[in-house]
Amino acid sequence: MKARHLLIIGLIAVVSMVFCQAAFAKERIVFGGGPAGGTFQVVANAIQVYKPIKEMADYKVQAQSSAGSVENLRKTDAGRQHMSVVYSGHVYLGRNGRMKNDTTKYENVMAVAWLYGAPAQLIVRADSGIKSTKDLVGKKVGVGNAGSGAFANCELFFTHMGVWDKIERNAMGYNDAAQAFGNNQLDAFWLFTAFPSGAVMMAAQTNDIAMVDLDADAKATDFYKEYPYFAKLTVPANTYKGVDYDVPSFQDSALWVANKDVSADAVYEMLSAIFTEEGLAHMLEQKSTFKNMSIKNGPTGIVTPFHPGAEKFWKEKGVL
């Protein structure tokens, strides 16, 4: 009888422990980043490791690599990722069923915050003679990972310029493209990420590089009229070794987004941790790309609906 009594007490203790653990279990939030060498993954990792995020009582953030913007859009819409980084253009096009060869309306993806501007960069050898996108005809070009925002925007722009089907396309991440470029396996490679890019810096160590004036190509056509979410910018001289001149280009914006079913409390709490003086300093420590992240810029340039948790946060801050 005594043994049975002790067994019952033991079982009750085990059951109680299980229920207590379940009660205090944190809700997992999968945050989609991007491929190695890209800024998307830096965002996801930086948010995951930030101490106030790790110490949240109810939520556990898990960074997850991905092919990039387009994959993140689809996975976030489907709920396979709860949050992620997606280009503003893809959020806009996806919501309106205008993605390339994809009329699906991705209406479950909602804006949380502006993170940084992502400019187009086309890297060539200084002695290549390539001065315009049109000069790429017949060349071997790294066009970004399949499924990434870089790839999608490369296809968009190169198709607009009439060269997409006239180049030898190589779908690969930035670091792989820089290595292939260094080994003379590519004539050029495209990036759609903040500068300075580590991949371009790596390429510049092994080759004399040049950059193509993409703004000139865009202005010579109706590119800006057709895709109004792109904005002009300039990559300053000496951003990269050997490129001692300003390079006009265009950019999209990288956004922090969330699935509509993520709780408003989770979004609000995470924004409240990151958009503080300490949180923004943490992001800047990870990469200089985030130097323009701020309360003021948080809702800048977002033309699609905000997540309710984000809307509450930005309205309280007086910027929405």
C-alpha atoms as a PDB file:
ATOM      1  CA  MET A   1       0.000   0.000   0.000  1.00  0.00           C
ATOM      2  CA  LYS A   2       2.824   2.348   0.905  1.00  0.00           C
ATOM      3  CA  ALA A   3       4.567   1.659  -2.410  1.00  0.00           C
ATOM      4  CA  ARG A   4       1.315   2.258  -4.295  1.00  0.00           C
ATOM      5  CA  HIS A   5       0.792   5.501  -2.399  1.00  0.00           C
ATOM      6  CA  LEU A   6       4.277   6.693  -3.278  1.00  0.00           C
ATOM      7  CA  LEU A   7       3.724   5.726  -6.933  1.00  0.00           C
ATOM      8  CA  ILE A   8       0.513   7.766  -7.082  1.00  0.00           C
ATOM      9  CA  ILE A   9       2.253  10.775  -5.520  1.00  0.00           C
ATOM     10  CA  GLY A  10       5.071  10.404  -8.066  1.00  0.00           C
ATOM     11  CA  LEU A  11       2.645  10.253 -10.968  1.00  0.00           C
ATOM     12  CA  ILE A  12       0.814  13.336  -9.716  1.00  0.00           C
ATOM     13  CA  ALA A  13       4.133  15.190  -9.480  1.00  0.00           C
ATOM     14  CA  VAL A  14       5.097  14.212 -13.041  1.00  0.00           C
ATOM     15  CA  VAL A  15       1.691  15.205 -14.447  1.00  0.00           C
ATOM     16  CA  SER A  16       1.822  18.519 -12.580  1.00  0.00           C
ATOM     17  CA  MET A  17       5.297  19.216 -13.958  1.00  0.00           C
ATOM     18  CA  VAL A  18       4.148  18.504 -17.500  1.00  0.00           C
ATOM     19  CA  PHE A  19       1.171  20.825 -17.152  1.00  0.00           C
ATOM     20  CA  CYS A  20       3.330  23.547 -15.621  1.00  0.00           C
ATOM     21  CA  GLN A  21       5.837  23.272 -18.470  1.00  0.00           C
ATOM     22  CA  ALA A  22       3.008  23.447 -20.998  1.00  0.00           C
ATOM     23  CA  ALA A  23       1.575  26.488 -19.254  1.00  0.00           C
ATOM     24  CA  PHE A  24       4.886  28.316 -19.364  1.00  0.00           C
ATOM     25  CA  ALA A  25       6.017  27.103 -22.813  1.00  0.00           C
ATOM     26  CA  LYS A  26       6.926  29.951 -25.121  1.00  0.00           C
ATOM     27  CA  GLU A  27       5.159  30.405 -28.437  1.00  0.00           C
ATOM     28  CA  ARG A  28       7.681  29.867 -31.253  1.00  0.00           C
ATOM     29  CA  ILE A  29       7.992  32.600 -33.873  1.00  0.00           C
ATOM     30  CA  VAL A  30       9.880  31.531 -36.997  1.00  0.00           C
ATOM     31  CA  PHE A  31      11.586  34.541 -38.572  1.00  0.00           C
ATOM     32  CA  GLY A  32      12.595  34.067 -42.216  1.00  0.00           C
ATOM     33  CA  GLY A  33      15.909  35.582 -43.259  1.00  0.00           C
ATOM     34  CA  GLY A  34      17.780  34.845 -46.467  1.00  0.00           C
ATOM     35  CA  PRO A  35      20.830  33.207 -48.022  1.00  0.00           C
ATOM     36  CA  ALA A  36      24.345  33.372 -46.569  1.00  0.00           C
ATOM     37  CA  GLY A  37      26.109  36.604 -47.455  1.00  0.00           C
ATOM     38  CA  GLY A  38      22.887  38.623 -47.640  1.00  0.00           C
ATOM     39  CA  THR A  39      21.461  41.200 -45.261  1.00  0.00           C
ATOM     40  CA  PHE A  40      18.112  39.419 -44.825  1.00  0.00           C
ATOM     41  CA  GLN A  41      19.759  36.705 -42.736  1.00  0.00           C
ATOM     42  CA  VAL A  42      21.593  39.314 -40.680  1.00  0.00           C
ATOM     43  CA  VAL A  43      18.207  40.837 -39.774  1.00  0.00           C
ATOM     44  CA  ALA A  44      16.743  37.514 -38.642  1.00  0.00           C
ATOM     45  CA  ASN A  45      19.838  36.544 -36.668  1.00  0.00           C
ATOM     46  CA  ALA A  46      20.160  39.973 -35.048  1.00  0.00           C
ATOM     47  CA  ILE A  47      16.577  39.940 -33.825  1.00  0.00           C
ATOM     48  CA  GLN A  48      16.852  36.356 -32.570  1.00  0.00           C
ATOM     49  CA  VAL A  49      19.981  36.984 -30.451  1.00  0.00           C
ATOM     50  CA  TYR A  50      19.014  40.373 -28.989  1.00  0.00           C
ATOM     51  CA  LYS A  51      18.795  39.878 -25.231  1.00  0.00           C
ATOM     52  CA  PRO A  52      15.409  41.581 -24.621  1.00  0.00           C
ATOM     53  CA  ILE A  53      13.949  39.427 -27.410  1.00  0.00           C
ATOM     54  CA  LYS A  54      15.443  36.266 -25.885  1.00  0.00           C
ATOM     55  CA  GLU A  55      14.027  37.266 -22.491  1.00  0.00           C
ATOM     56  CA  MET A  56      10.437  37.709 -23.699  1.00  0.00           C
ATOM     57  CA  ALA A  57       8.187  35.714 -21.389  1.00  0.00           C
ATOM     58  CA  ASP A  58       5.735  34.417 -23.982  1.00  0.00           C
ATOM     59  CA  TYR A  59       7.604  34.184 -27.278  1.00  0.00           C
ATOM     60  CA  LYS A  60      10.738  32.517 -28.645  1.00  0.00           C
ATOM     61  CA  VAL A  61      12.126  33.830 -31.946  1.00  0.00           C
ATOM     62  CA  GLN A  62      13.884  31.354 -34.237  1.00  0.00           C
ATOM     63  CA  ALA A  63      15.807  32.676 -37.245  1.00  0.00           C
ATOM     64  CA  GLN A  64      15.491  30.534 -40.370  1.00  0.00           C
ATOM     65  CA  SER A  65      17.465  30.880 -43.590  1.00  0.00           C
ATOM     66  CA  SER A  66      15.666  31.000 -46.935  1.00  0.00           C
ATOM     67  CA  ALA A  67      16.191  31.747 -50.599  1.00  0.00           C
ATOM     68  CA  GLY A  68      15.067  35.322 -49.971  1.00  0.00           C
ATOM     69  CA  SER A  69      12.216  37.745 -50.559  1.00  0.00           C
ATOM     70  CA  VAL A  70       9.875  35.764 -52.816  1.00  0.00           C
ATOM     71  CA  GLU A  71      10.160  32.579 -50.782  1.00  0.00           C
ATOM     72  CA  ASN A  72       9.631  34.606 -47.614  1.00  0.00           C
ATOM     73  CA  LEU A  73       6.501  36.200 -49.078  1.00  0.00           C
ATOM     74  CA  ARG A  74       4.979  32.821 -49.891  1.00  0.00           C
ATOM     75  CA  LYS A  75       5.989  31.099 -46.668  1.00  0.00           C
ATOM     76  CA  THR A  76       4.807  33.989 -44.521  1.00  0.00           C
ATOM     77  CA  ASP A  77       1.500  34.133 -46.366  1.00  0.00           C
ATOM     78  CA  ALA A  78       1.039  30.387 -45.769  1.00  0.00           C
ATOM     79  CA  GLY A  79       2.041  30.657 -42.103  1.00  0.00           C
ATOM     80  CA  ARG A  80       5.101  28.425 -42.479  1.00  0.00           C
ATOM     81  CA  GLN A  81       7.087  31.469 -41.356  1.00  0.00           C
ATOM     82  CA  HIS A  82       5.477  33.837 -38.892  1.00  0.00           C
ATOM     83  CA  MET A  83       7.677  36.818 -39.706  1.00  0.00           C
ATOM     84  CA  SER A  84      10.287  37.544 -42.333  1.00  0.00           C
ATOM     85  CA  VAL A  85      12.060  40.121 -44.462  1.00  0.00           C
ATOM     86  CA  VAL A  86      10.409  40.869 -47.816  1.00  0.00           C
ATOM     87  CA  TYR A  87      10.985  43.641 -50.315  1.00  0.00           C
ATOM     88  CA  SER A  88       8.250  46.258 -50.376  1.00  0.00           C
ATOM     89  CA  GLY A  89       7.784  45.709 -54.090  1.00  0.00           C
ATOM     90  CA  HIS A  90       7.051  42.020 -53.601  1.00  0.00           C
ATOM     91  CA  VAL A  91       4.608  42.736 -50.775  1.00  0.00           C
ATOM     92  CA  TYR A  92       2.854  45.192 -53.106  1.00  0.00           C
ATOM     93  CA  LEU A  93       2.911  43.020 -56.227  1.00  0.00           C
ATOM     94  CA  GLY A  94       2.021  39.886 -54.273  1.00  0.00           C
ATOM     95  CA  ARG A  95      -0.942  41.507 -52.572  1.00  0.00           C
ATOM     96  CA  ASN A  96      -2.277  42.594 -55.957  1.00  0.00           C
ATOM     97  CA  GLY A  97      -1.648  39.305 -57.776  1.00  0.00           C
ATOM     98  CA  ARG A  98       1.032  40.792 -60.032  1.00  0.00           C
ATOM     99  CA  MET A  99       4.013  38.568 -59.260  1.00  0.00           C
ATOM    100  CA  LYS A 100       5.882  37.136 -62.252  1.00  0.00           C
ATOM    101  CA  ASN A 101       3.922  34.118 -63.587  1.00  0.00           C
ATOM    102  CA  ASP A 102       1.924  34.066 -60.345  1.00  0.00           C
ATOM    103  CA  THR A 103      -1.531  35.633 -60.035  1.00  0.00           C
ATOM    104  CA  THR A 104      -1.994  34.446 -56.434  1.00  0.00           C
ATOM    105  CA  LYS A 105      -2.950  37.272 -54.076  1.00  0.00           C
ATOM    106  CA  TYR A 106      -0.753  37.054 -50.994  1.00  0.00           C
ATOM    107  CA  GLU A 107      -3.036  38.993 -48.672  1.00  0.00           C
ATOM    108  CA  ASN A 108      -1.928  37.425 -45.372  1.00  0.00           C
ATOM    109  CA  VAL A 109       1.406  39.296 -45.355  1.00  0.00           C
ATOM    110  CA  MET A 110       1.254  42.520 -43.350  1.00  0.00           C
ATOM    111  CA  ALA A 111       3.862  45.241 -42.840  1.00  0.00           C
ATOM    112  CA  VAL A 112       5.606  45.635 -39.501  1.00  0.00           C
ATOM    113  CA  ALA A 113       8.470  48.080 -40.144  1.00  0.00           C
ATOM    114  CA  TRP A 114      10.841  49.580 -42.709  1.00  0.00           C
ATOM    115  CA  LEU A 115      14.358  48.218 -42.241  1.00  0.00           C
ATOM    116  CA  TYR A 116      16.615  49.625 -44.960  1.00  0.00           C
ATOM    117  CA  GLY A 117      16.820  50.536 -48.598  1.00  0.00           C
ATOM    118  CA  ALA A 118      18.035  47.759 -50.902  1.00  0.00           C
ATOM    119  CA  PRO A 119      19.774  49.056 -54.027  1.00  0.00           C
ATOM    120  CA  ALA A 120      20.435  47.212 -57.264  1.00  0.00           C
ATOM    121  CA  GLN A 121      24.146  46.683 -57.961  1.00  0.00           C
ATOM    122  CA  LEU A 122      25.659  45.222 -61.116  1.00  0.00           C
ATOM    123  CA  ILE A 123      29.334  44.290 -60.785  1.00  0.00           C
ATOM    124  CA  VAL A 124      31.613  43.855 -63.813  1.00  0.00           C
ATOM    125  CA  ARG A 125      35.364  43.865 -64.449  1.00  0.00           C
ATOM    126  CA  ALA A 126      36.872  47.281 -64.979  1.00  0.00           C
ATOM    127  CA  ASP A 127      38.247  46.259 -68.401  1.00  0.00           C
ATOM    128  CA  SER A 128      35.112  44.421 -69.571  1.00  0.00           C
ATOM    129  CA  GLY A 129      33.668  47.225 -71.677  1.00  0.00           C
ATOM    130  CA  ILE A 130      30.247  46.620 -70.102  1.00  0.00           C
ATOM    131  CA  LYS A 131      28.715  50.080 -69.603  1.00  0.00           C
ATOM    132  CA  SER A 132      25.013  49.239 -69.763  1.00  0.00           C
ATOM    133  CA  THR A 133      22.696  46.324 -69.013  1.00  0.00           C
ATOM    134  CA  LYS A 134      22.322  45.938 -72.786  1.00  0.00           C
ATOM    135  CA  ASP A 135      26.042  45.093 -73.016  1.00  0.00           C
ATOM    136  CA  LEU A 136      25.398  41.864 -71.083  1.00  0.00           C
ATOM    137  CA  VAL A 137      24.018  40.092 -74.165  1.00  0.00           C
ATOM    138  CA  GLY A 138      25.873  36.778 -74.550  1.00  0.00           C
ATOM    139  CA  LYS A 139      27.598  37.146 -71.161  1.00  0.00           C
ATOM    140  CA  LYS A 140      27.617  34.853 -68.116  1.00  0.00           C
ATOM    141  CA  VAL A 141      25.786  36.630 -65.307  1.00  0.00           C
ATOM    142  CA  GLY A 142      25.082  35.759 -61.668  1.00  0.00           C
ATOM    143  CA  VAL A 143      21.430  36.693 -61.135  1.00  0.00           C
ATOM    144  CA  GLY A 144      20.844  35.774 -57.470  1.00  0.00           C
ATOM    145  CA  ASN A 145      19.367  32.720 -55.775  1.00  0.00           C
ATOM    146  CA  ALA A 146      16.248  31.278 -57.410  1.00  0.00           C
ATOM    147  CA  GLY A 147      13.328  32.305 -55.199  1.00  0.00           C
ATOM    148  CA  SER A 148      15.110  35.373 -53.884  1.00  0.00           C
ATOM    149  CA  GLY A 149      14.208  39.014 -54.229  1.00  0.00           C
ATOM    150  CA  ALA A 150      17.504  39.579 -56.004  1.00  0.00           C
ATOM    151  CA  PHE A 151      16.589  36.997 -58.660  1.00  0.00           C
ATOM    152  CA  ALA A 152      13.030  38.298 -59.046  1.00  0.00           C
ATOM    153  CA  ASN A 153      14.133  41.926 -59.401  1.00  0.00           C
ATOM    154  CA  CYS A 154      16.931  40.941 -61.764  1.00  0.00           C
ATOM    155  CA  GLU A 155      14.422  39.114 -63.951  1.00  0.00           C
ATOM    156  CA  LEU A 156      12.057  42.093 -63.738  1.00  0.00           C
ATOM    157  CA  PHE A 157      14.684  44.660 -64.734  1.00  0.00           C
ATOM    158  CA  PHE A 158      16.569  42.573 -67.289  1.00  0.00           C
ATOM    159  CA  THR A 159      13.295  41.559 -68.955  1.00  0.00           C
ATOM    160  CA  HIS A 160      12.293  45.211 -69.069  1.00  0.00           C
ATOM    161  CA  MET A 161      15.668  45.986 -70.677  1.00  0.00           C
ATOM    162  CA  GLY A 162      15.253  43.128 -73.181  1.00  0.00           C
ATOM    163  CA  VAL A 163      18.278  41.065 -72.124  1.00  0.00           C
ATOM    164  CA  TRP A 164      16.914  38.413 -69.718  1.00  0.00           C
ATOM    165  CA  ASP A 165      16.678  35.760 -72.448  1.00  0.00           C
ATOM    166  CA  LYS A 166      19.933  36.852 -74.102  1.00  0.00           C
ATOM    167  CA  ILE A 167      22.354  36.139 -71.249  1.00  0.00           C
ATOM    168  CA  GLU A 168      23.709  32.950 -69.732  1.00  0.00           C
ATOM    169  CA  ARG A 169      21.982  33.078 -66.354  1.00  0.00           C
ATOM    170  CA  ASN A 170      23.566  31.574 -63.260  1.00  0.00           C
ATOM    171  CA  ALA A 171      21.259  31.420 -60.230  1.00  0.00           C
ATOM    172  CA  MET A 172      23.437  31.600 -57.106  1.00  0.00           C
ATOM    173  CA  GLY A 173      23.884  33.469 -53.851  1.00  0.00           C
ATOM    174  CA  TYR A 174      26.092  36.525 -53.510  1.00  0.00           C
ATOM    175  CA  ASN A 175      29.136  34.834 -51.981  1.00  0.00           C
ATOM    176  CA  ASP A 176      29.072  32.040 -54.550  1.00  0.00           C
ATOM    177  CA  ALA A 177      28.723  34.586 -57.348  1.00  0.00           C
ATOM    178  CA  ALA A 178      31.663  36.630 -56.046  1.00  0.00           C
ATOM    179  CA  GLN A 179      33.801  33.491 -55.946  1.00  0.00           C
ATOM    180  CA  ALA A 180      32.750  32.451 -59.461  1.00  0.00           C
ATOM    181  CA  PHE A 181      33.427  35.992 -60.678  1.00  0.00           C
ATOM    182  CA  GLY A 182      36.877  35.843 -59.093  1.00  0.00           C
ATOM    183  CA  ASN A 183      37.551  32.553 -60.900  1.00  0.00           C
ATOM    184  CA  ASN A 184      36.524  34.073 -64.259  1.00  0.00           C
ATOM    185  CA  GLN A 185      33.418  31.875 -64.407  1.00  0.00           C
ATOM    186  CA  LEU A 186      31.142  34.920 -64.564  1.00  0.00           C
ATOM    187  CA  ASP A 187      31.375  38.151 -66.537  1.00  0.00           C
ATOM    188  CA  ALA A 188      29.098  40.023 -64.144  1.00  0.00           C
ATOM    189  CA  PHE A 189      26.919  39.509 -61.101  1.00  0.00           C
ATOM    190  CA  TRP A 190      23.831  41.243 -59.807  1.00  0.00           C
ATOM    191  CA  LEU A 191      22.994  42.062 -56.216  1.00  0.00           C
ATOM    192  CA  PHE A 192      19.938  43.594 -54.642  1.00  0.00           C
ATOM    193  CA  THR A 193      21.113  44.388 -51.153  1.00  0.00           C
ATOM    194  CA  ALA A 194      22.467  47.180 -49.018  1.00  0.00           C
ATOM    195  CA  PHE A 195      25.975  48.485 -49.532  1.00  0.00           C
ATOM    196  CA  PRO A 196      28.704  47.856 -48.737  1.00  0.00           C
ATOM    197  CA  SER A 197      28.162  44.188 -49.578  1.00  0.00           C
ATOM    198  CA  GLY A 198      30.706  41.714 -48.244  1.00  0.00           C
ATOM    199  CA  ALA A 199      30.426  39.738 -51.482  1.00  0.00           C
ATOM    200  CA  VAL A 200      31.400  42.758 -53.611  1.00  0.00           C
ATOM    201  CA  MET A 201      34.235  43.583 -51.232  1.00  0.00           C
ATOM    202  CA  MET A 202      35.473  40.017 -51.694  1.00  0.00           C
ATOM    203  CA  ALA A 203      35.273  40.326 -55.486  1.00  0.00           C
ATOM    204  CA  ALA A 204      37.181  43.606 -55.391  1.00  0.00           C
ATOM    205  CA  GLN A 205      40.079  41.922 -53.625  1.00  0.00           C
ATOM    206  CA  THR A 206      40.755  39.609 -56.571  1.00  0.00           C
ATOM    207  CA  ASN A 207      39.696  41.780 -59.531  1.00  0.00           C
ATOM    208  CA  ASP A 208      39.588  45.395 -60.616  1.00  0.00           C
ATOM    209  CA  ILE A 209      35.832  45.939 -60.592  1.00  0.00           C
ATOM    210  CA  ALA A 210      33.435  48.494 -62.035  1.00  0.00           C
ATOM    211  CA  MET A 211      29.727  49.126 -61.499  1.00  0.00           C
ATOM    212  CA  VAL A 212      27.073  49.796 -64.131  1.00  0.00           C
ATOM    213  CA  ASP A 213      24.939  52.969 -63.967  1.00  0.00           C
ATOM    214  CA  LEU A 214      21.540  51.278 -63.644  1.00  0.00           C
ATOM    215  CA  ASP A 215      19.670  54.551 -63.184  1.00  0.00           C
ATOM    216  CA  ALA A 216      20.697  55.601 -66.687  1.00  0.00           C
ATOM    217  CA  ASP A 217      19.219  52.373 -68.065  1.00  0.00           C
ATOM    218  CA  ALA A 218      16.025  52.856 -66.039  1.00  0.00           C
ATOM    219  CA  LYS A 219      15.583  56.487 -67.081  1.00  0.00           C
ATOM    220  CA  ALA A 220      16.118  55.620 -70.752  1.00  0.00           C
ATOM    221  CA  THR A 221      12.975  53.484 -70.556  1.00  0.00           C
ATOM    222  CA  ASP A 222       9.656  53.764 -68.679  1.00  0.00           C
ATOM    223  CA  PHE A 223      10.905  51.594 -65.795  1.00  0.00           C
ATOM    224  CA  TYR A 224      10.118  54.055 -63.003  1.00  0.00           C
ATOM    225  CA  LYS A 225       6.659  54.742 -64.408  1.00  0.00           C
ATOM    226  CA  GLU A 226       5.808  51.045 -64.570  1.00  0.00           C
ATOM    227  CA  TYR A 227       7.248  50.179 -61.150  1.00  0.00           C
ATOM    228  CA  PRO A 228       6.714  53.292 -58.994  1.00  0.00           C
ATOM    229  CA  TYR A 229       7.850  51.666 -55.728  1.00  0.00           C
ATOM    230  CA  PHE A 230      11.476  51.879 -56.894  1.00  0.00           C
ATOM    231  CA  ALA A 231      13.379  54.992 -55.827  1.00  0.00           C
ATOM    232  CA  LYS A 232      16.565  56.511 -57.234  1.00  0.00           C
ATOM    233  CA  LEU A 233      19.765  56.581 -55.180  1.00  0.00           C
ATOM    234  CA  THR A 234      23.521  56.762 -55.592  1.00  0.00           C
ATOM    235  CA  VAL A 235      26.186  54.329 -54.409  1.00  0.00           C
ATOM    236  CA  PRO A 236      28.854  56.794 -53.203  1.00  0.00           C
ATOM    237  CA  ALA A 237      32.353  56.828 -54.618  1.00  0.00           C
ATOM    238  CA  ASN A 238      34.839  54.593 -52.791  1.00  0.00           C
ATOM    239  CA  THR A 239      32.163  52.371 -51.315  1.00  0.00           C
ATOM    240  CA  TYR A 240      34.157  49.587 -52.940  1.00  0.00           C
ATOM    241  CA  LYS A 241      37.856  49.305 -53.721  1.00  0.00           C
ATOM    242  CA  GLY A 242      38.636  50.713 -57.149  1.00  0.00           C
ATOM    243  CA  VAL A 243      35.207  52.265 -57.722  1.00  0.00           C
ATOM    244  CA  ASP A 244      36.208  55.892 -57.134  1.00  0.00           C
ATOM    245  CA  TYR A 245      33.100  57.459 -58.692  1.00  0.00           C
ATOM    246  CA  ASP A 246      29.437  57.797 -57.730  1.00  0.00           C
ATOM    247  CA  VAL A 247      27.220  55.098 -59.238  1.00  0.00           C
ATOM    248  CA  PRO A 248      23.546  56.040 -59.793  1.00  0.00           C
ATOM    249  CA  SER A 249      21.099  53.180 -59.267  1.00  0.00           C
ATOM    250  CA  PHE A 250      17.625  52.446 -57.872  1.00  0.00           C
ATOM    251  CA  GLN A 251      16.377  50.732 -54.754  1.00  0.00           C
ATOM    252  CA  ASP A 252      13.468  48.929 -53.190  1.00  0.00           C
ATOM    253  CA  SER A 253      12.896  48.831 -49.425  1.00  0.00           C
ATOM    254  CA  ALA A 254      13.367  45.782 -47.214  1.00  0.00           C
ATOM    255  CA  LEU A 255      10.433  45.393 -44.828  1.00  0.00           C
ATOM    256  CA  TRP A 256       9.868  43.406 -41.661  1.00  0.00           C
ATOM    257  CA  VAL A 257       6.540  41.642 -42.243  1.00  0.00           C
ATOM    258  CA  ALA A 258       4.299  39.245 -40.336  1.00  0.00           C
ATOM    259  CA  ASN A 259       1.488  36.836 -41.076  1.00  0.00           C
ATOM    260  CA  LYS A 260      -1.885  38.367 -40.198  1.00  0.00           C
ATOM    261  CA  ASP A 261      -2.549  35.608 -37.621  1.00  0.00           C
ATOM    262  CA  VAL A 262       0.525  36.421 -35.517  1.00  0.00           C
ATOM    263  CA  SER A 263      -0.788  37.973 -32.325  1.00  0.00           C
ATOM    264  CA  ALA A 264      -0.809  41.751 -32.106  1.00  0.00           C
ATOM    265  CA  ASP A 265       0.867  41.444 -28.707  1.00  0.00           C
ATOM    266  CA  ALA A 266       3.839  39.556 -30.183  1.00  0.00           C
ATOM    267  CA  VAL A 267       4.384  42.144 -32.919  1.00  0.00           C
ATOM    268  CA  TYR A 268       3.978  45.048 -30.495  1.00  0.00           C
ATOM    269  CA  GLU A 269       6.334  43.522 -27.929  1.00  0.00           C
ATOM    270  CA  MET A 270       9.054  42.812 -30.504  1.00  0.00           C
ATOM    271  CA  LEU A 271       8.833  46.305 -31.980  1.00  0.00           C
ATOM    272  CA  SER A 272       9.010  47.732 -28.459  1.00  0.00           C
ATOM    273  CA  ALA A 273      12.272  45.835 -27.909  1.00  0.00           C
ATOM    274  CA  ILE A 274      13.985  46.622 -31.221  1.00  0.00           C
ATOM    275  CA  PHE A 275      12.914  50.249 -31.702  1.00  0.00           C
ATOM    276  CA  THR A 276      14.597  51.586 -28.602  1.00  0.00           C
ATOM    277  CA  GLU A 277      17.912  53.384 -28.365  1.00  0.00           C
ATOM    278  CA  GLU A 278      19.548  50.146 -27.210  1.00  0.00           C
ATOM    279  CA  GLY A 279      17.777  47.985 -29.759  1.00  0.00           C
ATOM    280  CA  LEU A 280      18.697  50.207 -32.690  1.00  0.00           C
ATOM    281  CA  ALA A 281      22.303  50.348 -31.444  1.00  0.00           C
ATOM    282  CA  HIS A 282      22.300  46.534 -31.389  1.00  0.00           C
ATOM    283  CA  MET A 283      21.086  46.385 -34.994  1.00  0.00           C
ATOM    284  CA  LEU A 284      23.733  48.890 -36.090  1.00  0.00           C
ATOM    285  CA  GLU A 285      26.417  46.798 -34.391  1.00  0.00           C
ATOM    286  CA  GLN A 286      25.439  43.873 -36.612  1.00  0.00           C
ATOM    287  CA  LYS A 287      25.730  45.845 -39.857  1.00  0.00           C
ATOM    288  CA  SER A 288      26.030  49.475 -40.910  1.00  0.00           C
ATOM    289  CA  THR A 289      23.160  48.826 -43.322  1.00  0.00           C
ATOM    290  CA  PHE A 290      20.758  49.505 -40.458  1.00  0.00           C
ATOM    291  CA  LYS A 291      22.020  53.039 -39.815  1.00  0.00           C
ATOM    292  CA  ASN A 292      18.735  54.608 -40.942  1.00  0.00           C
ATOM    293  CA  MET A 293      16.460  52.445 -38.805  1.00  0.00           C
ATOM    294  CA  SER A 294      14.564  54.749 -36.435  1.00  0.00           C
ATOM    295  CA  ILE A 295      11.164  55.515 -34.966  1.00  0.00           C
ATOM    296  CA  LYS A 296      10.757  58.264 -37.557  1.00  0.00           C
ATOM    297  CA  ASN A 297      11.556  55.967 -40.490  1.00  0.00           C
ATOM    298  CA  GLY A 298       9.668  52.935 -39.163  1.00  0.00           C
ATOM    299  CA  PRO A 299       6.538  53.361 -41.297  1.00  0.00           C
ATOM    300  CA  THR A 300       8.269  55.171 -44.171  1.00  0.00           C
ATOM    301  CA  GLY A 301       7.342  54.228 -47.718  1.00  0.00           C
ATOM    302  CA  ILE A 302       5.007  51.376 -46.735  1.00  0.00           C
ATOM    303  CA  VAL A 303       2.055  51.283 -49.142  1.00  0.00           C
ATOM    304  CA  THR A 304       0.442  48.032 -47.955  1.00  0.00           C
ATOM    305  CA  PRO A 305      -1.585  47.388 -44.756  1.00  0.00           C
ATOM    306  CA  PHE A 306       0.128  47.289 -41.375  1.00  0.00           C
ATOM    307  CA  HIS A 307      -0.223  44.412 -38.931  1.00  0.00           C
ATOM    308  CA  PRO A 308      -2.541  45.505 -36.069  1.00  0.00           C
ATOM    309  CA  GLY A 309       0.309  45.202 -33.551  1.00  0.00           C
ATOM    310  CA  ALA A 310       2.516  47.424 -35.714  1.00  0.00           C
ATOM    311  CA  GLU A 311      -0.264  49.908 -36.345  1.00  0.00           C
ATOM    312  CA  LYS A 312      -0.770  50.256 -32.574  1.00  0.00           C
ATOM    313  CA  PHE A 313       2.974  50.729 -31.990  1.00  0.00           C
ATOM    314  CA  TRP A 314       3.554  53.363 -34.687  1.00  0.00           C
ATOM    315  CA  LYS A 315       0.421  55.304 -33.756  1.00  0.00           C
ATOM    316  CA  GLU A 316       1.554  55.422 -30.139  1.00  0.00           C
ATOM    317  CA  LYS A 317       4.896  56.789 -31.348  1.00  0.00           C
ATOM    318  CA  GLY A 318       3.073  59.489 -33.294  1.00  0.00           C
ATOM    319  CA  VAL A 319       4.481  58.606 -36.697  1.00  0.00           C
ATOM    320  CA  LEU A 320       1.433  56.940 -38.249  1.00  0.00           C
END
